């Protein structure tokens, strides 16, 4: 089980976050801060999470009916993933930081970035498994359940590591994640609206939703 956010950072030396973050998010985050580790992978992890989420086969299947006939769905998913990944890499830590500060957080933006990035390890594994979830076999159903478990695991890691990063209670950290997620949703809606305007200006009109008049 994850340790308490108030647990002190180990002083014996740096730990391996690829292994320790899964079961000890708070102490791992504090260790990264103490020994100046984890920064080089922070933005790539966030960018990768956004990119892989858009490239999942299930997302491409849902996207295809909304696009004009003949559109390369993979290219659209790739561009969307890069936009989403960039927003996550640059904006998500800022949103978490702002939300945490509203609730009394005292940590740095770097601490919020590390918490956001390294807590995404389980959901990254979920995205990598997504091509195996197509179909109606028992194996696909099992993997879909595992994907939900990994997504929930990521949320748990984020709440506990952000609590350690910002010196907040777990409850206030969870509220910070909720508020930050709402801000991210608003940003995504705005980005989608701008993208739609650009498409219309270029003469590309998305197809109507199935079943719409």
C-alpha atoms as a PDB file:
ATOM      1  CA  UNK A   1       0.000   0.000   0.000  1.00  0.00           C
ATOM      2  CA  UNK A   2       1.181   3.576  -0.695  1.00  0.00           C
ATOM      3  CA  UNK A   3       2.786   5.252   2.255  1.00  0.00           C
ATOM      4  CA  UNK A   4       1.450   8.300   4.007  1.00  0.00           C
ATOM      5  CA  UNK A   5       2.203  11.639   2.296  1.00  0.00           C
ATOM      6  CA  UNK A   6       3.818  12.787   5.518  1.00  0.00           C
ATOM      7  CA  UNK A   7       6.473  10.048   5.383  1.00  0.00           C
ATOM      8  CA  UNK A   8       9.986  11.544   5.298  1.00  0.00           C
ATOM      9  CA  UNK A   9      12.103  11.243   2.210  1.00  0.00           C
ATOM     10  CA  UNK A  10      14.822   8.599   2.446  1.00  0.00           C
ATOM     11  CA  UNK A  11      18.244  10.122   3.104  1.00  0.00           C
ATOM     12  CA  UNK A  12      20.389   7.127   2.195  1.00  0.00           C
ATOM     13  CA  UNK A  13      20.434   8.003  -1.490  1.00  0.00           C
ATOM     14  CA  UNK A  14      18.299   8.282  -4.637  1.00  0.00           C
ATOM     15  CA  UNK A  15      15.725   5.589  -5.354  1.00  0.00           C
ATOM     16  CA  UNK A  16      14.590   4.203  -8.695  1.00  0.00           C
ATOM     17  CA  UNK A  17      11.246   5.945  -9.413  1.00  0.00           C
ATOM     18  CA  UNK A  18      10.393   3.478 -12.193  1.00  0.00           C
ATOM     19  CA  UNK A  19      10.008   0.840  -9.492  1.00  0.00           C
ATOM     20  CA  UNK A  20       9.257   2.699  -6.261  1.00  0.00           C
ATOM     21  CA  UNK A  21       6.596   5.094  -7.578  1.00  0.00           C
ATOM     22  CA  UNK A  22       4.136   2.243  -8.032  1.00  0.00           C
ATOM     23  CA  UNK A  23       3.859   1.402  -4.338  1.00  0.00           C
ATOM     24  CA  UNK A  24       5.399   4.349  -2.457  1.00  0.00           C
ATOM     25  CA  UNK A  25       4.393   7.548  -4.289  1.00  0.00           C
ATOM     26  CA  UNK A  26       4.798  10.005  -1.416  1.00  0.00           C
ATOM     27  CA  UNK A  27       8.244   8.900  -0.260  1.00  0.00           C
ATOM     28  CA  UNK A  28       9.427   8.502  -3.871  1.00  0.00           C
ATOM     29  CA  UNK A  29       8.332  12.033  -4.727  1.00  0.00           C
ATOM     30  CA  UNK A  30      10.103  13.426  -1.679  1.00  0.00           C
ATOM     31  CA  UNK A  31      13.212  11.462  -2.617  1.00  0.00           C
ATOM     32  CA  UNK A  32      13.161  12.921  -6.142  1.00  0.00           C
ATOM     33  CA  UNK A  33      12.937  16.407  -4.680  1.00  0.00           C
ATOM     34  CA  UNK A  34      15.669  15.748  -2.135  1.00  0.00           C
ATOM     35  CA  UNK A  35      18.208  14.374  -4.606  1.00  0.00           C
ATOM     36  CA  UNK A  36      17.284  16.406  -7.695  1.00  0.00           C
ATOM     37  CA  UNK A  37      16.139  13.398  -9.736  1.00  0.00           C
ATOM     38  CA  UNK A  38      13.345  12.721 -12.206  1.00  0.00           C
ATOM     39  CA  UNK A  39      13.221  16.021 -14.105  1.00  0.00           C
ATOM     40  CA  UNK A  40      14.596  14.763 -17.426  1.00  0.00           C
ATOM     41  CA  UNK A  41      11.714  12.289 -17.760  1.00  0.00           C
ATOM     42  CA  UNK A  42       8.927  14.517 -16.425  1.00  0.00           C
ATOM     43  CA  UNK A  43       7.794  16.252 -19.620  1.00  0.00           C
ATOM     44  CA  UNK A  44       8.391  13.213 -21.886  1.00  0.00           C
ATOM     45  CA  UNK A  45       6.170  11.104 -19.616  1.00  0.00           C
ATOM     46  CA  UNK A  46       3.374  13.681 -19.729  1.00  0.00           C
ATOM     47  CA  UNK A  47       3.746  14.138 -23.480  1.00  0.00           C
ATOM     48  CA  UNK A  48       3.721  10.385 -24.001  1.00  0.00           C
ATOM     49  CA  UNK A  49       0.565   9.959 -21.935  1.00  0.00           C
ATOM     50  CA  UNK A  50      -1.311  12.478 -24.086  1.00  0.00           C
ATOM     51  CA  UNK A  51      -0.007  11.029 -27.337  1.00  0.00           C
ATOM     52  CA  UNK A  52      -0.730   7.397 -26.480  1.00  0.00           C
ATOM     53  CA  UNK A  53      -4.224   8.217 -25.232  1.00  0.00           C
ATOM     54  CA  UNK A  54      -5.149   9.609 -28.666  1.00  0.00           C
ATOM     55  CA  UNK A  55      -3.512   6.767 -30.603  1.00  0.00           C
ATOM     56  CA  UNK A  56      -5.479   4.055 -28.791  1.00  0.00           C
ATOM     57  CA  UNK A  57      -7.522   2.011 -31.311  1.00  0.00           C
ATOM     58  CA  UNK A  58     -10.724   2.651 -29.384  1.00  0.00           C
ATOM     59  CA  UNK A  59     -10.214   6.420 -29.697  1.00  0.00           C
ATOM     60  CA  UNK A  60      -9.503   6.177 -33.427  1.00  0.00           C
ATOM     61  CA  UNK A  61     -12.643   4.097 -33.960  1.00  0.00           C
ATOM     62  CA  UNK A  62     -14.717   6.733 -32.170  1.00  0.00           C
ATOM     63  CA  UNK A  63     -13.033   9.519 -34.131  1.00  0.00           C
ATOM     64  CA  UNK A  64     -13.499   8.026 -37.615  1.00  0.00           C
ATOM     65  CA  UNK A  65     -17.266   8.725 -37.998  1.00  0.00           C
ATOM     66  CA  UNK A  66     -16.726  12.383 -37.084  1.00  0.00           C
ATOM     67  CA  UNK A  67     -14.252  13.048 -39.909  1.00  0.00           C
ATOM     68  CA  UNK A  68     -14.839  13.639 -43.630  1.00  0.00           C
ATOM     69  CA  UNK A  69     -14.664  10.579 -45.868  1.00  0.00           C
ATOM     70  CA  UNK A  70     -11.126   9.734 -46.892  1.00  0.00           C
ATOM     71  CA  UNK A  71      -9.508  11.464 -43.917  1.00  0.00           C
ATOM     72  CA  UNK A  72      -6.474   9.668 -42.524  1.00  0.00           C
ATOM     73  CA  UNK A  73      -7.709   8.959 -38.999  1.00  0.00           C
ATOM     74  CA  UNK A  74      -4.253   7.969 -37.778  1.00  0.00           C
ATOM     75  CA  UNK A  75      -2.804  11.332 -38.810  1.00  0.00           C
ATOM     76  CA  UNK A  76      -5.631  13.184 -37.068  1.00  0.00           C
ATOM     77  CA  UNK A  77      -5.142  11.075 -33.936  1.00  0.00           C
ATOM     78  CA  UNK A  78      -1.392  11.742 -34.043  1.00  0.00           C
ATOM     79  CA  UNK A  79      -1.854  15.509 -34.300  1.00  0.00           C
ATOM     80  CA  UNK A  80      -4.525  15.438 -31.571  1.00  0.00           C
ATOM     81  CA  UNK A  81      -2.228  13.400 -29.367  1.00  0.00           C
ATOM     82  CA  UNK A  82       0.636  15.820 -29.828  1.00  0.00           C
ATOM     83  CA  UNK A  83      -1.642  18.736 -28.934  1.00  0.00           C
ATOM     84  CA  UNK A  84      -3.009  16.919 -25.889  1.00  0.00           C
ATOM     85  CA  UNK A  85       0.456  15.748 -24.847  1.00  0.00           C
ATOM     86  CA  UNK A  86       1.864  19.268 -25.135  1.00  0.00           C
ATOM     87  CA  UNK A  87      -1.009  20.630 -23.071  1.00  0.00           C
ATOM     88  CA  UNK A  88      -0.408  17.956 -20.443  1.00  0.00           C
ATOM     89  CA  UNK A  89       3.354  18.494 -20.401  1.00  0.00           C
ATOM     90  CA  UNK A  90       3.154  22.275 -20.107  1.00  0.00           C
ATOM     91  CA  UNK A  91      -0.284  23.030 -18.684  1.00  0.00           C
ATOM     92  CA  UNK A  92      -1.275  20.157 -16.393  1.00  0.00           C
ATOM     93  CA  UNK A  93       1.461  20.809 -13.783  1.00  0.00           C
ATOM     94  CA  UNK A  94       0.565  24.514 -13.791  1.00  0.00           C
ATOM     95  CA  UNK A  95      -3.098  23.689 -13.212  1.00  0.00           C
ATOM     96  CA  UNK A  96      -2.281  21.305 -10.385  1.00  0.00           C
ATOM     97  CA  UNK A  97       0.047  23.899  -8.883  1.00  0.00           C
ATOM     98  CA  UNK A  98      -2.580  26.643  -9.061  1.00  0.00           C
ATOM     99  CA  UNK A  99      -5.283  24.419  -7.593  1.00  0.00           C
ATOM    100  CA  UNK A 100      -3.012  23.246  -4.778  1.00  0.00           C
ATOM    101  CA  UNK A 101      -2.006  26.802  -3.919  1.00  0.00           C
ATOM    102  CA  UNK A 102      -5.669  27.774  -3.611  1.00  0.00           C
ATOM    103  CA  UNK A 103      -5.994  25.067  -0.958  1.00  0.00           C
ATOM    104  CA  UNK A 104      -2.860  26.027   0.962  1.00  0.00           C
ATOM    105  CA  UNK A 105      -0.180  24.115  -0.950  1.00  0.00           C
ATOM    106  CA  UNK A 106       3.411  25.175  -0.286  1.00  0.00           C
ATOM    107  CA  UNK A 107       5.391  23.189  -2.847  1.00  0.00           C
ATOM    108  CA  UNK A 108       7.071  24.331  -6.048  1.00  0.00           C
ATOM    109  CA  UNK A 109       5.935  23.969  -9.646  1.00  0.00           C
ATOM    110  CA  UNK A 110       8.746  21.437 -10.112  1.00  0.00           C
ATOM    111  CA  UNK A 111       7.263  19.320  -7.342  1.00  0.00           C
ATOM    112  CA  UNK A 112       3.830  19.387  -9.001  1.00  0.00           C
ATOM    113  CA  UNK A 113       5.385  18.485 -12.360  1.00  0.00           C
ATOM    114  CA  UNK A 114       7.201  15.508 -10.883  1.00  0.00           C
ATOM    115  CA  UNK A 115       4.030  14.328  -9.151  1.00  0.00           C
ATOM    116  CA  UNK A 116       1.978  14.619 -12.344  1.00  0.00           C
ATOM    117  CA  UNK A 117       4.589  12.902 -14.506  1.00  0.00           C
ATOM    118  CA  UNK A 118       5.694   9.981 -12.378  1.00  0.00           C
ATOM    119  CA  UNK A 119       2.183   9.142 -11.211  1.00  0.00           C
ATOM    120  CA  UNK A 120       1.251   8.526 -14.870  1.00  0.00           C
ATOM    121  CA  UNK A 121       3.239   5.259 -15.076  1.00  0.00           C
ATOM    122  CA  UNK A 122       0.228   2.926 -14.587  1.00  0.00           C
ATOM    123  CA  UNK A 123      -1.956   4.697 -17.144  1.00  0.00           C
ATOM    124  CA  UNK A 124       0.914   4.652 -19.651  1.00  0.00           C
ATOM    125  CA  UNK A 125       0.981   0.865 -19.318  1.00  0.00           C
ATOM    126  CA  UNK A 126      -2.789   0.895 -19.836  1.00  0.00           C
ATOM    127  CA  UNK A 127      -2.398   2.820 -23.113  1.00  0.00           C
ATOM    128  CA  UNK A 128       0.292   0.413 -24.298  1.00  0.00           C
ATOM    129  CA  UNK A 129      -2.102  -2.483 -23.677  1.00  0.00           C
ATOM    130  CA  UNK A 130      -5.021  -0.814 -25.484  1.00  0.00           C
ATOM    131  CA  UNK A 131      -4.377  -2.510 -28.888  1.00  0.00           C
ATOM    132  CA  UNK A 132      -4.991  -5.865 -27.171  1.00  0.00           C
ATOM    133  CA  UNK A 133      -8.405  -4.821 -25.834  1.00  0.00           C
ATOM    134  CA  UNK A 134     -10.319  -4.989 -29.126  1.00  0.00           C
ATOM    135  CA  UNK A 135     -12.868  -7.719 -29.595  1.00  0.00           C
ATOM    136  CA  UNK A 136     -15.249  -9.505 -27.302  1.00  0.00           C
ATOM    137  CA  UNK A 137     -13.011 -12.283 -26.043  1.00  0.00           C
ATOM    138  CA  UNK A 138     -12.529 -13.026 -22.370  1.00  0.00           C
ATOM    139  CA  UNK A 139      -8.925 -11.867 -22.675  1.00  0.00           C
ATOM    140  CA  UNK A 140      -9.979  -8.488 -24.081  1.00  0.00           C
ATOM    141  CA  UNK A 141     -12.518  -8.070 -21.286  1.00  0.00           C
ATOM    142  CA  UNK A 142      -9.873  -8.938 -18.713  1.00  0.00           C
ATOM    143  CA  UNK A 143      -7.467  -6.404 -20.184  1.00  0.00           C
ATOM    144  CA  UNK A 144     -10.201  -3.758 -20.206  1.00  0.00           C
ATOM    145  CA  UNK A 145     -10.739  -4.360 -16.505  1.00  0.00           C
ATOM    146  CA  UNK A 146      -7.004  -4.147 -15.941  1.00  0.00           C
ATOM    147  CA  UNK A 147      -6.961  -0.838 -17.821  1.00  0.00           C
ATOM    148  CA  UNK A 148      -9.575   0.602 -15.466  1.00  0.00           C
ATOM    149  CA  UNK A 149      -7.552  -0.611 -12.494  1.00  0.00           C
ATOM    150  CA  UNK A 150      -4.396   1.042 -13.851  1.00  0.00           C
ATOM    151  CA  UNK A 151      -6.235   4.323 -14.442  1.00  0.00           C
ATOM    152  CA  UNK A 152      -7.481   4.286 -10.862  1.00  0.00           C
ATOM    153  CA  UNK A 153      -3.975   3.439  -9.675  1.00  0.00           C
ATOM    154  CA  UNK A 154      -2.616   6.495 -11.484  1.00  0.00           C
ATOM    155  CA  UNK A 155      -5.200   8.685  -9.760  1.00  0.00           C
ATOM    156  CA  UNK A 156      -4.252   7.263  -6.361  1.00  0.00           C
ATOM    157  CA  UNK A 157      -0.538   7.841  -7.033  1.00  0.00           C
ATOM    158  CA  UNK A 158      -1.217  11.410  -8.168  1.00  0.00           C
ATOM    159  CA  UNK A 159      -3.245  12.291  -5.078  1.00  0.00           C
ATOM    160  CA  UNK A 160      -0.643  10.894  -2.680  1.00  0.00           C
ATOM    161  CA  UNK A 161       2.412  12.267  -4.496  1.00  0.00           C
ATOM    162  CA  UNK A 162       0.814  15.713  -4.905  1.00  0.00           C
ATOM    163  CA  UNK A 163      -0.027  15.706  -1.192  1.00  0.00           C
ATOM    164  CA  UNK A 164       3.665  15.129  -0.471  1.00  0.00           C
ATOM    165  CA  UNK A 165       4.771  17.670  -3.076  1.00  0.00           C
ATOM    166  CA  UNK A 166       2.521  20.438  -1.750  1.00  0.00           C
ATOM    167  CA  UNK A 167       2.464  19.426   1.947  1.00  0.00           C
ATOM    168  CA  UNK A 168      -1.310  18.986   1.867  1.00  0.00           C
ATOM    169  CA  UNK A 169      -3.654  16.481   3.418  1.00  0.00           C
ATOM    170  CA  UNK A 170      -4.826  13.678   1.136  1.00  0.00           C
ATOM    171  CA  UNK A 171      -8.316  15.221   1.066  1.00  0.00           C
ATOM    172  CA  UNK A 172      -7.021  18.626  -0.024  1.00  0.00           C
ATOM    173  CA  UNK A 173      -4.756  16.956  -2.563  1.00  0.00           C
ATOM    174  CA  UNK A 174      -7.736  15.071  -4.022  1.00  0.00           C
ATOM    175  CA  UNK A 175      -9.657  18.342  -4.265  1.00  0.00           C
ATOM    176  CA  UNK A 176      -6.653  19.924  -5.992  1.00  0.00           C
ATOM    177  CA  UNK A 177      -6.614  17.117  -8.552  1.00  0.00           C
ATOM    178  CA  UNK A 178     -10.359  17.535  -9.099  1.00  0.00           C
ATOM    179  CA  UNK A 179     -10.051  21.300  -9.561  1.00  0.00           C
ATOM    180  CA  UNK A 180      -6.985  20.935 -11.774  1.00  0.00           C
ATOM    181  CA  UNK A 181      -8.814  18.332 -13.878  1.00  0.00           C
ATOM    182  CA  UNK A 182     -11.717  20.746 -14.347  1.00  0.00           C
ATOM    183  CA  UNK A 183      -9.304  23.434 -15.533  1.00  0.00           C
ATOM    184  CA  UNK A 184      -7.683  20.937 -17.924  1.00  0.00           C
ATOM    185  CA  UNK A 185     -11.112  20.032 -19.313  1.00  0.00           C
ATOM    186  CA  UNK A 186     -11.879  23.705 -19.974  1.00  0.00           C
ATOM    187  CA  UNK A 187      -8.512  24.081 -21.706  1.00  0.00           C
ATOM    188  CA  UNK A 188      -9.223  21.021 -23.880  1.00  0.00           C
ATOM    189  CA  UNK A 189     -12.640  22.387 -24.858  1.00  0.00           C
ATOM    190  CA  UNK A 190     -11.074  25.712 -25.817  1.00  0.00           C
ATOM    191  CA  UNK A 191      -8.346  23.953 -27.808  1.00  0.00           C
ATOM    192  CA  UNK A 192     -10.960  21.835 -29.593  1.00  0.00           C
ATOM    193  CA  UNK A 193     -13.004  24.921 -30.447  1.00  0.00           C
ATOM    194  CA  UNK A 194      -9.947  26.660 -31.895  1.00  0.00           C
ATOM    195  CA  UNK A 195      -9.042  23.526 -33.866  1.00  0.00           C
ATOM    196  CA  UNK A 196     -12.595  23.377 -35.281  1.00  0.00           C
ATOM    197  CA  UNK A 197     -12.349  27.011 -36.375  1.00  0.00           C
ATOM    198  CA  UNK A 198      -9.052  26.299 -38.118  1.00  0.00           C
ATOM    199  CA  UNK A 199     -10.563  23.279 -39.908  1.00  0.00           C
ATOM    200  CA  UNK A 200     -13.537  25.316 -41.086  1.00  0.00           C
ATOM    201  CA  UNK A 201     -11.200  28.069 -42.302  1.00  0.00           C
ATOM    202  CA  UNK A 202      -9.311  25.443 -44.297  1.00  0.00           C
ATOM    203  CA  UNK A 203     -12.547  24.136 -45.780  1.00  0.00           C
ATOM    204  CA  UNK A 204     -12.600  20.889 -43.794  1.00  0.00           C
ATOM    205  CA  UNK A 205     -15.990  20.254 -42.194  1.00  0.00           C
ATOM    206  CA  UNK A 206     -16.280  17.430 -39.643  1.00  0.00           C
ATOM    207  CA  UNK A 207     -19.075  14.936 -40.250  1.00  0.00           C
ATOM    208  CA  UNK A 208     -22.185  15.094 -38.107  1.00  0.00           C
ATOM    209  CA  UNK A 209     -22.438  12.770 -35.181  1.00  0.00           C
ATOM    210  CA  UNK A 210     -24.104   9.450 -36.049  1.00  0.00           C
ATOM    211  CA  UNK A 211     -27.861   9.729 -35.697  1.00  0.00           C
ATOM    212  CA  UNK A 212     -27.879  13.542 -35.703  1.00  0.00           C
ATOM    213  CA  UNK A 213     -30.159  15.385 -38.215  1.00  0.00           C
END
